[in-house]
Full PDB file with SEQRES, HELIX, SHEET, SSBOND, CRYST1, ORIGX, SCALE, CONECT and MASTER records, all heavy atoms in Angstrom:
SEQRES   1 A   34  ARG GLU ASP GLY ARG GLY VAL GLY ALA VAL ARG LEU THR          
SEQRES   2 A   34  ALA ALA ASP GLY THR GLU THR VAL ARG PRO VAL ASP GLY          
SEQRES   3 A   34  LEU PHE ALA CYS LEU GLY THR ALA                              
SHEET    1 AA1 2 ALA A   9  THR A  13  0                                        
SHEET    2 AA1 2 GLU A  19  PRO A  23 -1                                        
CRYST1    1.000    1.000    1.000  90.00  90.00  90.00 P 1           1          
ORIGX1      1.000000  0.000000  0.000000        0.00000                         
ORIGX2      0.000000  1.000000  0.000000        0.00000                         
ORIGX3      0.000000  0.000000  1.000000        0.00000                         
SCALE1      1.000000  0.000000  0.000000        0.00000                         
SCALE2      0.000000  1.000000  0.000000        0.00000                         
SCALE3      0.000000  0.000000  1.000000        0.00000                         
ATOM      1  N   ARG A   1      52.350  58.422 -61.664  1.00  0.00           N  
ATOM      2  CA  ARG A   1      51.624  57.241 -62.098  1.00  0.00           C  
ATOM      3  C   ARG A   1      52.511  56.011 -61.960  1.00  0.00           C  
ATOM      4  O   ARG A   1      53.728  56.126 -61.811  1.00  0.00           O  
ATOM      5  CB  ARG A   1      51.206  57.382 -63.575  1.00  0.00           C  
ATOM      6  CG  ARG A   1      50.232  58.489 -63.789  1.00  0.00           C  
ATOM      7  CD  ARG A   1      49.721  58.588 -65.221  1.00  0.00           C  
ATOM      8  NE  ARG A   1      50.532  57.981 -66.257  1.00  0.00           N  
ATOM      9  CZ  ARG A   1      50.495  58.358 -67.537  1.00  0.00           C  
ATOM     10  NH1 ARG A   1      49.703  59.357 -67.896  1.00  0.00           N  
ATOM     11  NH2 ARG A   1      51.246  57.761 -68.443  1.00  0.00           N  
ATOM     12  N   GLU A   2      51.907  54.854 -62.039  1.00  0.00           N  
ATOM     13  CA  GLU A   2      52.683  53.616 -61.910  1.00  0.00           C  
ATOM     14  C   GLU A   2      53.740  53.495 -63.000  1.00  0.00           C  
ATOM     15  O   GLU A   2      54.823  52.954 -62.764  1.00  0.00           O  
ATOM     16  CB  GLU A   2      51.748  52.404 -61.951  1.00  0.00           C  
ATOM     17  CG  GLU A   2      50.911  52.238 -60.687  1.00  0.00           C  
ATOM     18  CD  GLU A   2      50.113  50.944 -60.716  1.00  0.00           C  
ATOM     19  OE1 GLU A   2      50.294  50.154 -61.672  1.00  0.00           O  
ATOM     20  OE2 GLU A   2      49.312  50.731 -59.777  1.00  0.00           O  
ATOM     21  N   ASP A   3      53.436  54.000 -64.200  1.00  0.00           N  
ATOM     22  CA  ASP A   3      54.420  53.914 -65.274  1.00  0.00           C  
ATOM     23  C   ASP A   3      55.446  55.041 -65.223  1.00  0.00           C  
ATOM     24  O   ASP A   3      56.350  55.114 -66.053  1.00  0.00           O  
ATOM     25  CB  ASP A   3      53.740  53.888 -66.650  1.00  0.00           C  
ATOM     26  CG  ASP A   3      52.925  55.156 -66.932  1.00  0.00           C  
ATOM     27  OD1 ASP A   3      53.019  56.129 -66.150  1.00  0.00           O  
ATOM     28  OD2 ASP A   3      52.209  55.171 -67.945  1.00  0.00           O  
ATOM     29  N   GLY A   4      55.317  55.945 -64.245  1.00  0.00           N  
ATOM     30  CA  GLY A   4      56.292  57.015 -64.073  1.00  0.00           C  
ATOM     31  C   GLY A   4      56.268  58.072 -65.147  1.00  0.00           C  
ATOM     32  O   GLY A   4      57.230  58.835 -65.302  1.00  0.00           O  
ATOM     33  N   ARG A   5      55.161  58.194 -65.876  1.00  0.00           N  
ATOM     34  CA  ARG A   5      55.119  59.111 -67.011  1.00  0.00           C  
ATOM     35  C   ARG A   5      54.186  60.293 -66.800  1.00  0.00           C  
ATOM     36  O   ARG A   5      53.806  60.955 -67.754  1.00  0.00           O  
ATOM     37  CB  ARG A   5      54.717  58.342 -68.274  1.00  0.00           C  
ATOM     38  CG  ARG A   5      55.682  57.227 -68.628  1.00  0.00           C  
ATOM     39  CD  ARG A   5      55.268  56.503 -69.884  1.00  0.00           C  
ATOM     40  NE  ARG A   5      55.248  57.369 -71.049  1.00  0.00           N  
ATOM     41  CZ  ARG A   5      54.831  56.992 -72.257  1.00  0.00           C  
ATOM     42  NH1 ARG A   5      54.375  55.753 -72.432  1.00  0.00           N  
ATOM     43  NH2 ARG A   5      54.849  57.833 -73.266  1.00  0.00           N  
ATOM     44  N   GLY A   6      53.839  60.578 -65.578  1.00  0.00           N  
ATOM     45  CA  GLY A   6      52.971  61.711 -65.317  1.00  0.00           C  
ATOM     46  C   GLY A   6      52.417  61.654 -63.912  1.00  0.00           C  
ATOM     47  O   GLY A   6      52.784  60.801 -63.103  1.00  0.00           O  
ATOM     48  N   VAL A   7      51.522  62.594 -63.608  1.00  0.00           N  
ATOM     49  CA  VAL A   7      50.909  62.679 -62.285  1.00  0.00           C  
ATOM     50  C   VAL A   7      49.860  61.583 -62.146  1.00  0.00           C  
ATOM     51  O   VAL A   7      49.037  61.362 -63.041  1.00  0.00           O  
ATOM     52  CB  VAL A   7      50.265  64.061 -62.085  1.00  0.00           C  
ATOM     53  CG1 VAL A   7      49.465  64.096 -60.785  1.00  0.00           C  
ATOM     54  CG2 VAL A   7      51.339  65.140 -62.081  1.00  0.00           C  
ATOM     55  N   GLY A   8      49.893  60.890 -60.991  1.00  0.00           N  
ATOM     56  CA  GLY A   8      48.937  59.819 -60.757  1.00  0.00           C  
ATOM     57  C   GLY A   8      48.096  59.998 -59.508  1.00  0.00           C  
ATOM     58  O   GLY A   8      47.007  59.426 -59.412  1.00  0.00           O  
ATOM     59  N   ALA A   9      48.591  60.797 -58.543  1.00  0.00           N  
ATOM     60  CA  ALA A   9      47.859  60.959 -57.287  1.00  0.00           C  
ATOM     61  C   ALA A   9      48.470  62.112 -56.505  1.00  0.00           C  
ATOM     62  O   ALA A   9      49.549  62.626 -56.843  1.00  0.00           O  
ATOM     63  CB  ALA A   9      47.909  59.673 -56.458  1.00  0.00           C  
ATOM     64  N   VAL A  10      47.789  62.513 -55.445  1.00  0.00           N  
ATOM     65  CA  VAL A  10      48.312  63.502 -54.507  1.00  0.00           C  
ATOM     66  C   VAL A  10      48.133  62.981 -53.094  1.00  0.00           C  
ATOM     67  O   VAL A  10      47.166  62.269 -52.794  1.00  0.00           O  
ATOM     68  CB  VAL A  10      47.616  64.869 -54.646  1.00  0.00           C  
ATOM     69  CG1 VAL A  10      47.986  65.539 -55.953  1.00  0.00           C  
ATOM     70  CG2 VAL A  10      46.099  64.735 -54.516  1.00  0.00           C  
ATOM     71  N   ARG A  11      49.083  63.308 -52.250  1.00  0.00           N  
ATOM     72  CA  ARG A  11      48.964  63.004 -50.819  1.00  0.00           C  
ATOM     73  C   ARG A  11      48.459  64.265 -50.136  1.00  0.00           C  
ATOM     74  O   ARG A  11      49.068  65.330 -50.265  1.00  0.00           O  
ATOM     75  CB  ARG A  11      50.301  62.566 -50.238  1.00  0.00           C  
ATOM     76  CG  ARG A  11      50.217  62.172 -48.757  1.00  0.00           C  
ATOM     77  CD  ARG A  11      51.478  61.436 -48.301  1.00  0.00           C  
ATOM     78  NE  ARG A  11      52.661  62.236 -48.501  1.00  0.00           N  
ATOM     79  CZ  ARG A  11      53.109  63.150 -47.628  1.00  0.00           C  
ATOM     80  NH1 ARG A  11      52.444  63.374 -46.498  1.00  0.00           N  
ATOM     81  NH2 ARG A  11      54.209  63.832 -47.875  1.00  0.00           N  
ATOM     82  N   LEU A  12      47.352  64.151 -49.417  1.00  0.00           N  
ATOM     83  CA  LEU A  12      46.696  65.283 -48.774  1.00  0.00           C  
ATOM     84  C   LEU A  12      46.867  65.208 -47.265  1.00  0.00           C  
ATOM     85  O   LEU A  12      46.889  64.119 -46.678  1.00  0.00           O  
ATOM     86  CB  LEU A  12      45.199  65.295 -49.102  1.00  0.00           C  
ATOM     87  CG  LEU A  12      44.830  65.324 -50.595  1.00  0.00           C  
ATOM     88  CD1 LEU A  12      43.333  65.075 -50.759  1.00  0.00           C  
ATOM     89  CD2 LEU A  12      45.228  66.646 -51.213  1.00  0.00           C  
ATOM     90  N   THR A  13      46.997  66.373 -46.638  1.00  0.00           N  
ATOM     91  CA  THR A  13      47.061  66.445 -45.180  1.00  0.00           C  
ATOM     92  C   THR A  13      46.045  67.469 -44.679  1.00  0.00           C  
ATOM     93  O   THR A  13      45.733  68.436 -45.370  1.00  0.00           O  
ATOM     94  CB  THR A  13      48.465  66.846 -44.684  1.00  0.00           C  
ATOM     95  OG1 THR A  13      48.789  68.143 -45.186  1.00  0.00           O  
ATOM     96  CG2 THR A  13      49.511  65.848 -45.137  1.00  0.00           C  
ATOM     97  N   ALA A  14      45.560  67.260 -43.462  1.00  0.00           N  
ATOM     98  CA  ALA A  14      44.664  68.210 -42.812  1.00  0.00           C  
ATOM     99  C   ALA A  14      45.316  68.693 -41.523  1.00  0.00           C  
ATOM    100  O   ALA A  14      46.324  68.139 -41.063  1.00  0.00           O  
ATOM    101  CB  ALA A  14      43.320  67.553 -42.529  1.00  0.00           C  
ATOM    102  N   ALA A  15      44.737  69.709 -40.928  1.00  0.00           N  
ATOM    103  CA  ALA A  15      45.323  70.301 -39.731  1.00  0.00           C  
ATOM    104  C   ALA A  15      45.398  69.316 -38.574  1.00  0.00           C  
ATOM    105  O   ALA A  15      46.279  69.436 -37.712  1.00  0.00           O  
ATOM    106  CB  ALA A  15      44.507  71.531 -39.318  1.00  0.00           C  
ATOM    107  N   ASP A  16      44.529  68.324 -38.544  1.00  0.00           N  
ATOM    108  CA  ASP A  16      44.550  67.346 -37.451  1.00  0.00           C  
ATOM    109  C   ASP A  16      45.551  66.220 -37.700  1.00  0.00           C  
ATOM    110  O   ASP A  16      45.624  65.260 -36.930  1.00  0.00           O  
ATOM    111  CB  ASP A  16      43.156  66.762 -37.225  1.00  0.00           C  
ATOM    112  CG  ASP A  16      42.618  66.018 -38.451  1.00  0.00           C  
ATOM    113  OD1 ASP A  16      43.345  65.900 -39.452  1.00  0.00           O  
ATOM    114  OD2 ASP A  16      41.457  65.549 -38.389  1.00  0.00           O  
ATOM    115  N   GLY A  17      46.314  66.319 -38.783  1.00  0.00           N  
ATOM    116  CA  GLY A  17      47.322  65.311 -39.086  1.00  0.00           C  
ATOM    117  C   GLY A  17      46.839  64.176 -39.962  1.00  0.00           C  
ATOM    118  O   GLY A  17      47.625  63.307 -40.347  1.00  0.00           O  
ATOM    119  N   THR A  18      45.558  64.167 -40.307  1.00  0.00           N  
ATOM    120  CA  THR A  18      45.015  63.117 -41.161  1.00  0.00           C  
ATOM    121  C   THR A  18      45.644  63.181 -42.551  1.00  0.00           C  
ATOM    122  O   THR A  18      45.784  64.264 -43.137  1.00  0.00           O  
ATOM    123  CB  THR A  18      43.492  63.259 -41.296  1.00  0.00           C  
ATOM    124  OG1 THR A  18      42.913  63.227 -39.990  1.00  0.00           O  
ATOM    125  CG2 THR A  18      42.913  62.150 -42.152  1.00  0.00           C  
ATOM    126  N   GLU A  19      46.029  62.032 -43.077  1.00  0.00           N  
ATOM    127  CA  GLU A  19      46.600  61.953 -44.422  1.00  0.00           C  
ATOM    128  C   GLU A  19      45.756  61.026 -45.291  1.00  0.00           C  
ATOM    129  O   GLU A  19      45.300  59.981 -44.832  1.00  0.00           O  
ATOM    130  CB  GLU A  19      48.036  61.435 -44.385  1.00  0.00           C  
ATOM    131  CG  GLU A  19      49.037  62.417 -43.823  1.00  0.00           C  
ATOM    132  CD  GLU A  19      50.473  62.012 -44.140  1.00  0.00           C  
ATOM    133  OE1 GLU A  19      50.677  60.974 -44.800  1.00  0.00           O  
ATOM    134  OE2 GLU A  19      51.385  62.749 -43.743  1.00  0.00           O  
ATOM    135  N   THR A  20      45.549  61.423 -46.530  1.00  0.00           N  
ATOM    136  CA  THR A  20      44.857  60.583 -47.506  1.00  0.00           C  
ATOM    137  C   THR A  20      45.562  60.706 -48.842  1.00  0.00           C  
ATOM    138  O   THR A  20      46.265  61.698 -49.098  1.00  0.00           O  
ATOM    139  CB  THR A  20      43.382  61.005 -47.683  1.00  0.00           C  
ATOM    140  OG1 THR A  20      43.348  62.389 -48.062  1.00  0.00           O  
ATOM    141  CG2 THR A  20      42.587  60.796 -46.414  1.00  0.00           C  
ATOM    142  N   VAL A  21      45.395  59.727 -49.685  1.00  0.00           N  
ATOM    143  CA  VAL A  21      45.923  59.761 -51.044  1.00  0.00           C  
ATOM    144  C   VAL A  21      44.747  59.678 -51.999  1.00  0.00           C  
ATOM    145  O   VAL A  21      43.894  58.795 -51.881  1.00  0.00           O  
ATOM    146  CB  VAL A  21      46.911  58.606 -51.301  1.00  0.00           C  
ATOM    147  CG1 VAL A  21      47.324  58.562 -52.772  1.00  0.00           C  
ATOM    148  CG2 VAL A  21      48.136  58.751 -50.408  1.00  0.00           C  
ATOM    149  N   ARG A  22      44.688  60.627 -52.931  1.00  0.00           N  
ATOM    150  CA  ARG A  22      43.605  60.649 -53.910  1.00  0.00           C  
ATOM    151  C   ARG A  22      44.183  60.559 -55.320  1.00  0.00           C  
ATOM    152  O   ARG A  22      45.109  61.312 -55.670  1.00  0.00           O  
ATOM    153  CB  ARG A  22      42.789  61.942 -53.771  1.00  0.00           C  
ATOM    154  CG  ARG A  22      42.065  62.104 -52.447  1.00  0.00           C  
ATOM    155  CD  ARG A  22      40.886  61.166 -52.296  1.00  0.00           C  
ATOM    156  NE  ARG A  22      39.838  61.425 -53.255  1.00  0.00           N  
ATOM    157  CZ  ARG A  22      38.771  62.198 -53.012  1.00  0.00           C  
ATOM    158  NH1 ARG A  22      38.634  62.774 -51.804  1.00  0.00           N  
ATOM    159  NH2 ARG A  22      37.846  62.371 -53.915  1.00  0.00           N  
ATOM    160  N   PRO A  23      43.662  59.655 -56.157  1.00  0.00           N  
ATOM    161  CA  PRO A  23      44.143  59.564 -57.533  1.00  0.00           C  
ATOM    162  C   PRO A  23      43.661  60.756 -58.365  1.00  0.00           C  
ATOM    163  O   PRO A  23      42.485  61.140 -58.289  1.00  0.00           O  
ATOM    164  CB  PRO A  23      43.537  58.260 -58.033  1.00  0.00           C  
ATOM    165  CG  PRO A  23      42.329  58.048 -57.184  1.00  0.00           C  
ATOM    166  CD  PRO A  23      42.645  58.631 -55.849  1.00  0.00           C  
ATOM    167  N   VAL A  24      44.553  61.372 -59.131  1.00  0.00           N  
ATOM    168  CA  VAL A  24      44.212  62.470 -60.041  1.00  0.00           C  
ATOM    169  C   VAL A  24      45.118  62.363 -61.268  1.00  0.00           C  
ATOM    170  O   VAL A  24      46.182  61.749 -61.228  1.00  0.00           O  
ATOM    171  CB  VAL A  24      44.394  63.863 -59.394  1.00  0.00           C  
ATOM    172  CG1 VAL A  24      43.392  64.089 -58.274  1.00  0.00           C  
ATOM    173  CG2 VAL A  24      45.812  64.062 -58.898  1.00  0.00           C  
ATOM    174  N   ASP A  25      44.677  62.973 -62.346  1.00  0.00           N  
ATOM    175  CA  ASP A  25      45.474  63.015 -63.567  1.00  0.00           C  
ATOM    176  C   ASP A  25      46.254  64.312 -63.715  1.00  0.00           C  
ATOM    177  O   ASP A  25      47.183  64.396 -64.533  1.00  0.00           O  
ATOM    178  CB  ASP A  25      44.564  62.839 -64.792  1.00  0.00           C  
ATOM    179  CG  ASP A  25      43.822  61.519 -64.761  1.00  0.00           C  
ATOM    180  OD1 ASP A  25      44.495  60.476 -64.685  1.00  0.00           O  
ATOM    181  OD2 ASP A  25      42.577  61.542 -64.805  1.00  0.00           O  
ATOM    182  N   GLY A  26      45.855  65.338 -62.970  1.00  0.00           N  
ATOM    183  CA  GLY A  26      46.535  66.618 -63.081  1.00  0.00           C  
ATOM    184  C   GLY A  26      46.271  67.510 -61.888  1.00  0.00           C  
ATOM    185  O   GLY A  26      45.329  67.275 -61.115  1.00  0.00           O  
ATOM    186  N   LEU A  27      47.119  68.504 -61.722  1.00  0.00           N  
ATOM    187  CA  LEU A  27      47.016  69.433 -60.603  1.00  0.00           C  
ATOM    188  C   LEU A  27      47.194  70.856 -61.114  1.00  0.00           C  
ATOM    189  O   LEU A  27      48.076  71.128 -61.934  1.00  0.00           O  
ATOM    190  CB  LEU A  27      48.083  69.119 -59.556  1.00  0.00           C  
ATOM    191  CG  LEU A  27      48.136  70.006 -58.316  1.00  0.00           C  
ATOM    192  CD1 LEU A  27      48.636  69.206 -57.120  1.00  0.00           C  
ATOM    193  CD2 LEU A  27      49.034  71.231 -58.504  1.00  0.00           C  
ATOM    194  N   PHE A  28      46.349  71.760 -60.601  1.00  0.00           N  
ATOM    195  CA  PHE A  28      46.440  73.179 -60.933  1.00  0.00           C  
ATOM    196  C   PHE A  28      46.656  73.981 -59.653  1.00  0.00           C  
ATOM    197  O   PHE A  28      45.856  73.888 -58.722  1.00  0.00           O  
ATOM    198  CB  PHE A  28      45.170  73.658 -61.636  1.00  0.00           C  
ATOM    199  CG  PHE A  28      45.010  73.105 -63.023  1.00  0.00           C  
ATOM    200  CD1 PHE A  28      44.378  71.890 -63.223  1.00  0.00           C  
ATOM    201  CD2 PHE A  28      45.495  73.793 -64.118  1.00  0.00           C  
ATOM    202  CE1 PHE A  28      44.229  71.359 -64.492  1.00  0.00           C  
ATOM    203  CE2 PHE A  28      45.365  73.278 -65.388  1.00  0.00           C  
ATOM    204  CZ  PHE A  28      44.735  72.060 -65.588  1.00  0.00           C  
ATOM    205  N   ALA A  29      47.734  74.748 -59.603  1.00  0.00           N  
ATOM    206  CA  ALA A  29      47.996  75.634 -58.473  1.00  0.00           C  
ATOM    207  C   ALA A  29      47.336  76.976 -58.762  1.00  0.00           C  
ATOM    208  O   ALA A  29      47.762  77.694 -59.680  1.00  0.00           O  
ATOM    209  CB  ALA A  29      49.491  75.807 -58.270  1.00  0.00           C  
ATOM    210  N   CYS A  30      46.290  77.303 -58.005  1.00  0.00           N  
ATOM    211  CA  CYS A  30      45.528  78.545 -58.213  1.00  0.00           C  
ATOM    212  C   CYS A  30      45.715  79.440 -56.995  1.00  0.00           C  
ATOM    213  O   CYS A  30      44.789  79.655 -56.200  1.00  0.00           O  
ATOM    214  CB  CYS A  30      44.060  78.223 -58.438  1.00  0.00           C  
ATOM    215  SG  CYS A  30      43.744  77.193 -59.885  1.00  0.00           S  
ATOM    216  N   LEU A  31      46.929  79.936 -56.828  1.00  0.00           N  
ATOM    217  CA  LEU A  31      47.313  80.648 -55.609  1.00  0.00           C  
ATOM    218  C   LEU A  31      47.638  82.111 -55.859  1.00  0.00           C  
ATOM    219  O   LEU A  31      48.275  82.764 -55.038  1.00  0.00           O  
ATOM    220  CB  LEU A  31      48.538  79.960 -54.978  1.00  0.00           C  
ATOM    221  CG  LEU A  31      48.401  78.452 -54.732  1.00  0.00           C  
ATOM    222  CD1 LEU A  31      49.706  77.878 -54.226  1.00  0.00           C  
ATOM    223  CD2 LEU A  31      47.271  78.176 -53.750  1.00  0.00           C  
ATOM    224  N   GLY A  32      47.225  82.623 -57.015  1.00  0.00           N  
ATOM    225  CA  GLY A  32      47.538  84.004 -57.338  1.00  0.00           C  
ATOM    226  C   GLY A  32      48.931  84.145 -57.925  1.00  0.00           C  
ATOM    227  O   GLY A  32      49.573  83.163 -58.298  1.00  0.00           O  
ATOM    228  N   THR A  33      49.382  85.370 -57.988  1.00  0.00           N  
ATOM    229  CA  THR A  33      50.680  85.660 -58.584  1.00  0.00           C  
ATOM    230  C   THR A  33      51.537  86.506 -57.644  1.00  0.00           C  
ATOM    231  O   THR A  33      51.029  87.119 -56.706  1.00  0.00           O  
ATOM    232  CB  THR A  33      50.524  86.407 -59.920  1.00  0.00           C  
ATOM    233  OG1 THR A  33      49.814  87.644 -59.688  1.00  0.00           O  
ATOM    234  CG2 THR A  33      49.758  85.573 -60.935  1.00  0.00           C  
ATOM    235  N   ALA A  34      52.833  86.526 -57.933  1.00  0.00           N  
ATOM    236  CA  ALA A  34      53.790  87.323 -57.168  1.00  0.00           C  
ATOM    237  C   ALA A  34      54.777  87.934 -58.148  1.00  0.00           C  
ATOM    238  O   ALA A  34      54.971  87.418 -59.255  1.00  0.00           O  
ATOM    239  CB  ALA A  34      54.523  86.443 -56.154  1.00  0.00           C  
TER     240      ALA A  34                                                      
MASTER        0    0    0    0    2    0    0    6  239    1    0    3          
END                                                                             
């Protein structure tokens, strides 16, 4: 975030190289376990 106190956005990429930035307040990694 702008105040540096938490998550404010994510930078996304696609297979064609396209990049976008989307504002979010939180992120959850749902990739299973190891």
